Amino acid sequence: MYFFALSTAEQGASMALFEDNTLVFESSLFSRQTHSKGLLPMIEQAVESREGMTVDQIDGFIAARGPGSFTGLRIGISMVKGLARALSKPCAGVSSLDGIAFRFCHSQKPVCVMMDAKRKEVYSAVYQFNHGELIQKGPEMVCSPETAIDQAGSGALFVGSGSKVYREKICNRTEDNAVFSTTSMDGVSACALVISGMSDEGVFDFENHPLNPVYLRKSDAQIHFDRKTGA
């Protein structure tokens, strides 16, 4: 069975193709252009990497459902939904935070994901793994970096773009007991989305994993509208 995954939660796009439990293609694109300009060529490249394969052989689609870039998420989710509907195949949404955390699923330390959410906030959740399996996941939240650090504790592994933006705060608050990922591993990985999704037998149960965007907070446009209307 083939599974295709896509993340457009951040400025970079990540794409992966799995055959059963084996990664057979992975690609990343970092561009200042809108995601919509580069995704279709990336999908074609993924399919063409398997000789004789056609897109209708993909058995299921997974997309990062957020949190992340409002526009980016809408583009990626719309594309995956469109492909799945056109091919009559199932699709599912997996947390963008999972798409970072599961890159470190063999960590024996708690994994604190901190995506930079701007406005001096982060999107965050704390994970505990044991030999590659998820044991516990804290609530997903948008919060101050201090709150995220305190949720993780002093001996955690800090990952994601926010962990670099607020590295000094993390070091000060944990008395230099924190561990950090390398910058190249901070982004949402389509490969990690599949690993997270396939750890749940019901990943394609739409009620449990709907492919709808999860923003965790209102967009700037919504905030400005609410201010004007007094909502």
C-alpha atoms as a PDB file:
ATOM      1  CA  MET A   1       0.000   0.000   0.000  1.00  0.00           C
ATOM      2  CA  TYR A   2       1.158   3.513  -0.787  1.00  0.00           C
ATOM      3  CA  PHE A   3       0.658   6.485   1.538  1.00  0.00           C
ATOM      4  CA  PHE A   4       1.356  10.074   0.596  1.00  0.00           C
ATOM      5  CA  ALA A   5       1.910  12.881   3.112  1.00  0.00           C
ATOM      6  CA  LEU A   6       2.240  16.638   2.760  1.00  0.00           C
ATOM      7  CA  SER A   7       3.011  19.513   5.109  1.00  0.00           C
ATOM      8  CA  THR A   8       2.599  23.172   4.214  1.00  0.00           C
ATOM      9  CA  ALA A   9       2.341  24.306   7.831  1.00  0.00           C
ATOM     10  CA  GLU A  10       5.474  26.441   7.574  1.00  0.00           C
ATOM     11  CA  GLN A  11       7.372  28.381   4.922  1.00  0.00           C
ATOM     12  CA  GLY A  12       8.961  25.161   3.744  1.00  0.00           C
ATOM     13  CA  ALA A  13       6.877  22.345   2.251  1.00  0.00           C
ATOM     14  CA  SER A  14       7.597  18.699   3.042  1.00  0.00           C
ATOM     15  CA  MET A  15       6.379  15.679   1.089  1.00  0.00           C
ATOM     16  CA  ALA A  16       6.802  11.926   1.583  1.00  0.00           C
ATOM     17  CA  LEU A  17       5.713   8.702  -0.103  1.00  0.00           C
ATOM     18  CA  PHE A  18       5.613   5.411   1.802  1.00  0.00           C
ATOM     19  CA  GLU A  19       5.214   1.887   0.496  1.00  0.00           C
ATOM     20  CA  ASP A  20       3.749   0.035   3.479  1.00  0.00           C
ATOM     21  CA  ASN A  21       6.098   1.050   6.329  1.00  0.00           C
ATOM     22  CA  THR A  22       9.021   1.957   4.092  1.00  0.00           C
ATOM     23  CA  LEU A  23       9.876   5.501   3.067  1.00  0.00           C
ATOM     24  CA  VAL A  24      10.486   5.470  -0.692  1.00  0.00           C
ATOM     25  CA  PHE A  25      10.537   9.209  -1.452  1.00  0.00           C
ATOM     26  CA  GLU A  26      11.005  12.388   0.563  1.00  0.00           C
ATOM     27  CA  SER A  27      11.337  15.944  -0.637  1.00  0.00           C
ATOM     28  CA  SER A  28      11.445  19.419   0.882  1.00  0.00           C
ATOM     29  CA  LEU A  29      11.009  22.794  -0.739  1.00  0.00           C
ATOM     30  CA  PHE A  30      12.009  26.105   0.816  1.00  0.00           C
ATOM     31  CA  SER A  31      10.837  29.091  -1.197  1.00  0.00           C
ATOM     32  CA  ARG A  32       9.453  32.568  -0.680  1.00  0.00           C
ATOM     33  CA  GLN A  33       6.846  31.828  -3.330  1.00  0.00           C
ATOM     34  CA  THR A  34       3.403  30.599  -2.342  1.00  0.00           C
ATOM     35  CA  HIS A  35       3.175  26.840  -1.816  1.00  0.00           C
ATOM     36  CA  SER A  36       0.686  26.493  -4.657  1.00  0.00           C
ATOM     37  CA  LYS A  37       3.426  27.172  -7.240  1.00  0.00           C
ATOM     38  CA  GLY A  38       5.669  24.262  -6.270  1.00  0.00           C
ATOM     39  CA  LEU A  39       3.456  21.498  -4.939  1.00  0.00           C
ATOM     40  CA  LEU A  40       2.209  19.872  -8.127  1.00  0.00           C
ATOM     41  CA  PRO A  41       5.714  19.390  -9.576  1.00  0.00           C
ATOM     42  CA  MET A  42       6.762  17.909  -6.228  1.00  0.00           C
ATOM     43  CA  ILE A  43       3.851  15.443  -6.293  1.00  0.00           C
ATOM     44  CA  GLU A  44       4.692  14.446  -9.859  1.00  0.00           C
ATOM     45  CA  GLN A  45       8.306  13.891  -8.837  1.00  0.00           C
ATOM     46  CA  ALA A  46       7.237  11.698  -5.907  1.00  0.00           C
ATOM     47  CA  VAL A  47       5.051   9.475  -8.091  1.00  0.00           C
ATOM     48  CA  GLU A  48       7.599   9.280 -10.901  1.00  0.00           C
ATOM     49  CA  SER A  49      10.233   8.107  -8.428  1.00  0.00           C
ATOM     50  CA  ARG A  50       8.505   4.684  -8.500  1.00  0.00           C
ATOM     51  CA  GLU A  51       8.862   3.248 -11.986  1.00  0.00           C
ATOM     52  CA  GLY A  52       5.487   2.552 -13.550  1.00  0.00           C
ATOM     53  CA  MET A  53       3.528   4.111 -10.675  1.00  0.00           C
ATOM     54  CA  THR A  54       0.560   6.413 -11.219  1.00  0.00           C
ATOM     55  CA  VAL A  55      -1.070   8.740  -8.721  1.00  0.00           C
ATOM     56  CA  ASP A  56      -4.223   6.624  -8.535  1.00  0.00           C
ATOM     57  CA  GLN A  57      -2.146   3.860  -6.898  1.00  0.00           C
ATOM     58  CA  ILE A  58      -1.844   5.935  -3.725  1.00  0.00           C
ATOM     59  CA  ASP A  59      -4.047   4.284  -1.094  1.00  0.00           C
ATOM     60  CA  GLY A  60      -4.276   7.115   1.450  1.00  0.00           C
ATOM     61  CA  PHE A  61      -3.356  10.757   1.924  1.00  0.00           C
ATOM     62  CA  ILE A  62      -2.158  12.532   5.078  1.00  0.00           C
ATOM     63  CA  ALA A  63      -1.715  16.282   5.559  1.00  0.00           C
ATOM     64  CA  ALA A  64      -0.505  18.495   8.384  1.00  0.00           C
ATOM     65  CA  ARG A  65      -3.685  20.008   9.840  1.00  0.00           C
ATOM     66  CA  GLY A  66      -1.998  22.691  11.927  1.00  0.00           C
ATOM     67  CA  PRO A  67      -1.086  24.650  13.834  1.00  0.00           C
ATOM     68  CA  GLY A  68       0.991  26.758  11.487  1.00  0.00           C
ATOM     69  CA  SER A  69       0.710  29.255   8.674  1.00  0.00           C
ATOM     70  CA  PHE A  70      -2.962  30.024   8.022  1.00  0.00           C
ATOM     71  CA  THR A  71      -2.509  30.400   4.267  1.00  0.00           C
ATOM     72  CA  GLY A  72      -0.049  27.525   3.959  1.00  0.00           C
ATOM     73  CA  LEU A  73      -2.336  25.103   5.784  1.00  0.00           C
ATOM     74  CA  ARG A  74      -5.309  25.985   3.606  1.00  0.00           C
ATOM     75  CA  ILE A  75      -3.295  25.400   0.427  1.00  0.00           C
ATOM     76  CA  GLY A  76      -1.929  22.011   1.508  1.00  0.00           C
ATOM     77  CA  ILE A  77      -5.180  20.729   2.971  1.00  0.00           C
ATOM     78  CA  SER A  78      -7.155  21.813  -0.084  1.00  0.00           C
ATOM     79  CA  MET A  79      -4.714  20.059  -2.402  1.00  0.00           C
ATOM     80  CA  VAL A  80      -4.744  16.794  -0.445  1.00  0.00           C
ATOM     81  CA  LYS A  81      -8.525  16.860  -0.102  1.00  0.00           C
ATOM     82  CA  GLY A  82      -8.845  17.484  -3.838  1.00  0.00           C
ATOM     83  CA  LEU A  83      -6.568  14.579  -4.739  1.00  0.00           C
ATOM     84  CA  ALA A  84      -8.273  12.228  -2.295  1.00  0.00           C
ATOM     85  CA  ARG A  85     -11.741  13.121  -3.519  1.00  0.00           C
ATOM     86  CA  ALA A  86     -10.784  12.888  -7.199  1.00  0.00           C
ATOM     87  CA  LEU A  87      -9.281   9.431  -6.637  1.00  0.00           C
ATOM     88  CA  SER A  88     -11.925   8.258  -4.117  1.00  0.00           C
ATOM     89  CA  LYS A  89      -9.208   7.573  -1.528  1.00  0.00           C
ATOM     90  CA  PRO A  90      -9.237   8.285   2.227  1.00  0.00           C
ATOM     91  CA  CYS A  91      -7.436  11.262   3.736  1.00  0.00           C
ATOM     92  CA  ALA A  92      -6.559  12.286   7.270  1.00  0.00           C
ATOM     93  CA  GLY A  93      -5.172  15.222   9.197  1.00  0.00           C
ATOM     94  CA  VAL A  94      -2.256  14.874  11.621  1.00  0.00           C
ATOM     95  CA  SER A  95      -1.000  17.555  13.975  1.00  0.00           C
ATOM     96  CA  SER A  96       1.880  19.682  12.715  1.00  0.00           C
ATOM     97  CA  LEU A  97       3.393  19.335  16.188  1.00  0.00           C
ATOM     98  CA  ASP A  98       3.422  15.547  15.714  1.00  0.00           C
ATOM     99  CA  GLY A  99       5.234  16.153  12.441  1.00  0.00           C
ATOM    100  CA  ILE A 100       8.106  17.600  14.456  1.00  0.00           C
ATOM    101  CA  ALA A 101       7.953  15.478  17.616  1.00  0.00           C
ATOM    102  CA  PHE A 102       7.972  12.115  15.846  1.00  0.00           C
ATOM    103  CA  ARG A 103      11.328  12.972  14.279  1.00  0.00           C
ATOM    104  CA  PHE A 104      12.650  12.417  17.818  1.00  0.00           C
ATOM    105  CA  CYS A 105      10.528   9.413  18.813  1.00  0.00           C
ATOM    106  CA  HIS A 106      13.586   7.527  20.085  1.00  0.00           C
ATOM    107  CA  SER A 107      14.474  10.263  22.547  1.00  0.00           C
ATOM    108  CA  GLN A 108      14.466   9.132  26.161  1.00  0.00           C
ATOM    109  CA  LYS A 109      13.946  12.732  27.242  1.00  0.00           C
ATOM    110  CA  PRO A 110      10.597  14.530  27.103  1.00  0.00           C
ATOM    111  CA  VAL A 111      10.292  16.229  23.706  1.00  0.00           C
ATOM    112  CA  CYS A 112       9.002  19.796  23.872  1.00  0.00           C
ATOM    113  CA  VAL A 113       7.887  21.098  20.483  1.00  0.00           C
ATOM    114  CA  MET A 114       7.924  24.875  20.171  1.00  0.00           C
ATOM    115  CA  MET A 115       6.859  26.314  16.813  1.00  0.00           C
ATOM    116  CA  ASP A 116       7.330  30.062  16.547  1.00  0.00           C
ATOM    117  CA  ALA A 117       3.829  31.555  16.458  1.00  0.00           C
ATOM    118  CA  LYS A 118       5.023  35.188  16.425  1.00  0.00           C
ATOM    119  CA  ARG A 119       3.509  37.757  18.835  1.00  0.00           C
ATOM    120  CA  LYS A 120       5.945  36.418  21.476  1.00  0.00           C
ATOM    121  CA  GLU A 121       4.061  33.104  21.546  1.00  0.00           C
ATOM    122  CA  VAL A 122       4.706  29.502  20.502  1.00  0.00           C
ATOM    123  CA  TYR A 123       2.590  26.565  19.406  1.00  0.00           C
ATOM    124  CA  SER A 124       3.618  23.835  21.797  1.00  0.00           C
ATOM    125  CA  ALA A 125       3.042  20.337  23.155  1.00  0.00           C
ATOM    126  CA  VAL A 126       5.197  18.011  25.248  1.00  0.00           C
ATOM    127  CA  TYR A 127       5.694  14.361  24.229  1.00  0.00           C
ATOM    128  CA  GLN A 128       7.093  11.348  26.043  1.00  0.00           C
ATOM    129  CA  PHE A 129       8.318   8.408  23.949  1.00  0.00           C
ATOM    130  CA  ASN A 130       9.629   4.983  24.856  1.00  0.00           C
ATOM    131  CA  HIS A 131      11.675   3.103  22.250  1.00  0.00           C
ATOM    132  CA  GLY A 132       9.893   4.862  19.406  1.00  0.00           C
ATOM    133  CA  GLU A 133       6.359   4.577  20.783  1.00  0.00           C
ATOM    134  CA  LEU A 134       4.353   7.533  22.073  1.00  0.00           C
ATOM    135  CA  ILE A 135       3.596   7.098  25.771  1.00  0.00           C
ATOM    136  CA  GLN A 136       2.082  10.472  26.567  1.00  0.00           C
ATOM    137  CA  LYS A 137       1.255  13.725  24.814  1.00  0.00           C
ATOM    138  CA  GLY A 138       0.359  16.931  26.597  1.00  0.00           C
ATOM    139  CA  PRO A 139      -2.265  19.366  25.334  1.00  0.00           C
ATOM    140  CA  GLU A 140      -1.586  21.392  22.210  1.00  0.00           C
ATOM    141  CA  MET A 141      -1.605  25.085  23.016  1.00  0.00           C
ATOM    142  CA  VAL A 142      -0.569  28.524  21.914  1.00  0.00           C
ATOM    143  CA  CYS A 143       1.204  30.126  24.833  1.00  0.00           C
ATOM    144  CA  SER A 144       4.145  32.156  26.030  1.00  0.00           C
ATOM    145  CA  PRO A 145       7.549  30.463  25.690  1.00  0.00           C
ATOM    146  CA  GLU A 146       7.821  30.521  29.490  1.00  0.00           C
ATOM    147  CA  THR A 147       4.648  28.425  29.822  1.00  0.00           C
ATOM    148  CA  ALA A 148       5.919  25.897  27.279  1.00  0.00           C
ATOM    149  CA  ILE A 149       9.283  25.635  29.044  1.00  0.00           C
ATOM    150  CA  ASP A 150       7.639  25.068  32.416  1.00  0.00           C
ATOM    151  CA  GLN A 151       5.385  22.365  30.942  1.00  0.00           C
ATOM    152  CA  ALA A 152       8.447  20.499  29.659  1.00  0.00           C
ATOM    153  CA  GLY A 153      10.721  20.788  32.678  1.00  0.00           C
ATOM    154  CA  SER A 154      14.449  21.345  32.813  1.00  0.00           C
ATOM    155  CA  GLY A 155      15.687  18.076  31.314  1.00  0.00           C
ATOM    156  CA  ALA A 156      13.717  18.104  28.074  1.00  0.00           C
ATOM    157  CA  LEU A 157      14.739  18.067  24.424  1.00  0.00           C
ATOM    158  CA  PHE A 158      13.532  21.323  22.845  1.00  0.00           C
ATOM    159  CA  VAL A 159      12.738  21.217  19.136  1.00  0.00           C
ATOM    160  CA  GLY A 160      11.042  23.390  16.513  1.00  0.00           C
ATOM    161  CA  SER A 161      11.611  26.913  15.259  1.00  0.00           C
ATOM    162  CA  GLY A 162      10.487  28.469  18.544  1.00  0.00           C
ATOM    163  CA  SER A 163      13.170  26.597  20.456  1.00  0.00           C
ATOM    164  CA  LYS A 164      15.777  28.588  18.544  1.00  0.00           C
ATOM    165  CA  VAL A 165      13.978  31.933  18.755  1.00  0.00           C
ATOM    166  CA  TYR A 166      13.699  31.542  22.530  1.00  0.00           C
ATOM    167  CA  ARG A 167      16.860  29.546  23.159  1.00  0.00           C
ATOM    168  CA  GLU A 168      18.210  32.079  25.661  1.00  0.00           C
ATOM    169  CA  LYS A 169      14.962  31.995  27.654  1.00  0.00           C
ATOM    170  CA  ILE A 170      15.033  28.197  27.653  1.00  0.00           C
ATOM    171  CA  CYS A 171      18.632  28.087  28.873  1.00  0.00           C
ATOM    172  CA  ASN A 172      17.982  30.630  31.609  1.00  0.00           C
ATOM    173  CA  ARG A 173      14.765  28.993  32.792  1.00  0.00           C
ATOM    174  CA  THR A 174      16.194  25.457  32.800  1.00  0.00           C
ATOM    175  CA  GLU A 175      19.585  26.460  34.221  1.00  0.00           C
ATOM    176  CA  ASP A 176      21.295  25.199  31.049  1.00  0.00           C
ATOM    177  CA  ASN A 177      19.931  21.650  31.499  1.00  0.00           C
ATOM    178  CA  ALA A 178      17.994  21.739  28.220  1.00  0.00           C
ATOM    179  CA  VAL A 179      19.004  19.868  25.069  1.00  0.00           C
ATOM    180  CA  PHE A 180      18.333  21.278  21.589  1.00  0.00           C
ATOM    181  CA  SER A 181      17.764  19.760  18.169  1.00  0.00           C
ATOM    182  CA  THR A 182      19.823  20.883  15.211  1.00  0.00           C
ATOM    183  CA  THR A 183      18.154  23.627  13.153  1.00  0.00           C
ATOM    184  CA  SER A 184      17.808  21.331  10.136  1.00  0.00           C
ATOM    185  CA  MET A 185      15.474  19.067  12.160  1.00  0.00           C
ATOM    186  CA  ASP A 186      13.147  21.811  13.392  1.00  0.00           C
ATOM    187  CA  GLY A 187      10.614  21.754  10.562  1.00  0.00           C
ATOM    188  CA  VAL A 188       7.419  19.748  10.159  1.00  0.00           C
ATOM    189  CA  SER A 189       8.355  16.506   8.386  1.00  0.00           C
ATOM    190  CA  ALA A 190       5.904  14.697   6.107  1.00  0.00           C
ATOM    191  CA  CYS A 191       7.730  11.490   6.987  1.00  0.00           C
ATOM    192  CA  ALA A 192       7.054  12.085  10.696  1.00  0.00           C
ATOM    193  CA  LEU A 193       3.384  12.802   9.905  1.00  0.00           C
ATOM    194  CA  VAL A 194       3.090   9.303   8.434  1.00  0.00           C
ATOM    195  CA  ILE A 195       4.904   7.702  11.379  1.00  0.00           C
ATOM    196  CA  SER A 196       2.532   9.471  13.760  1.00  0.00           C
ATOM    197  CA  GLY A 197      -0.565   8.722  11.698  1.00  0.00           C
ATOM    198  CA  MET A 198       0.200   5.055  11.119  1.00  0.00           C
ATOM    199  CA  SER A 199       0.776   4.521  14.847  1.00  0.00           C
ATOM    200  CA  ASP A 200      -3.019   4.883  15.097  1.00  0.00           C
ATOM    201  CA  GLU A 201      -4.977   2.086  13.420  1.00  0.00           C
ATOM    202  CA  GLY A 202      -7.910   4.453  12.998  1.00  0.00           C
ATOM    203  CA  VAL A 203      -5.968   7.225  11.289  1.00  0.00           C
ATOM    204  CA  PHE A 204      -8.343   7.251   8.315  1.00  0.00           C
ATOM    205  CA  ASP A 205     -11.413   7.368  10.549  1.00  0.00           C
ATOM    206  CA  PHE A 206     -12.604  10.840   9.581  1.00  0.00           C
ATOM    207  CA  GLU A 207     -14.361  11.426  12.911  1.00  0.00           C
ATOM    208  CA  ASN A 208     -11.111  10.964  14.841  1.00  0.00           C
ATOM    209  CA  HIS A 209      -8.728  12.511  12.295  1.00  0.00           C
ATOM    210  CA  PRO A 210     -10.707  15.020  10.231  1.00  0.00           C
ATOM    211  CA  LEU A 211      -8.744  16.869   7.594  1.00  0.00           C
ATOM    212  CA  ASN A 212      -9.747  20.311   8.809  1.00  0.00           C
ATOM    213  CA  PRO A 213      -7.317  23.087   9.740  1.00  0.00           C
ATOM    214  CA  VAL A 214      -6.494  23.547  13.410  1.00  0.00           C
ATOM    215  CA  TYR A 215      -5.124  27.032  14.045  1.00  0.00           C
ATOM    216  CA  LEU A 216      -5.193  27.178  17.893  1.00  0.00           C
ATOM    217  CA  ARG A 217      -5.756  30.922  17.689  1.00  0.00           C
ATOM    218  CA  LYS A 218      -7.523  33.491  15.526  1.00  0.00           C
ATOM    219  CA  SER A 219      -5.890  34.906  12.420  1.00  0.00           C
ATOM    220  CA  ASP A 220      -4.779  38.543  12.300  1.00  0.00           C
ATOM    221  CA  ALA A 221      -7.664  39.261   9.920  1.00  0.00           C
ATOM    222  CA  GLN A 222     -10.176  37.755  12.359  1.00  0.00           C
ATOM    223  CA  ILE A 223      -8.689  39.696  15.283  1.00  0.00           C
ATOM    224  CA  HIS A 224      -8.895  42.972  13.354  1.00  0.00           C
ATOM    225  CA  PHE A 225     -12.463  42.188  12.292  1.00  0.00           C
ATOM    226  CA  ASP A 226     -13.474  41.415  15.885  1.00  0.00           C
ATOM    227  CA  ARG A 227     -11.988  44.701  17.070  1.00  0.00           C
ATOM    228  CA  LYS A 228     -13.900  46.667  14.465  1.00  0.00           C
ATOM    229  CA  THR A 229     -17.190  44.910  15.159  1.00  0.00           C
ATOM    230  CA  GLY A 230     -16.757  44.705  18.930  1.00  0.00           C
ATOM    231  CA  ALA A 231     -17.058  40.905  18.878  1.00  0.00           C
END
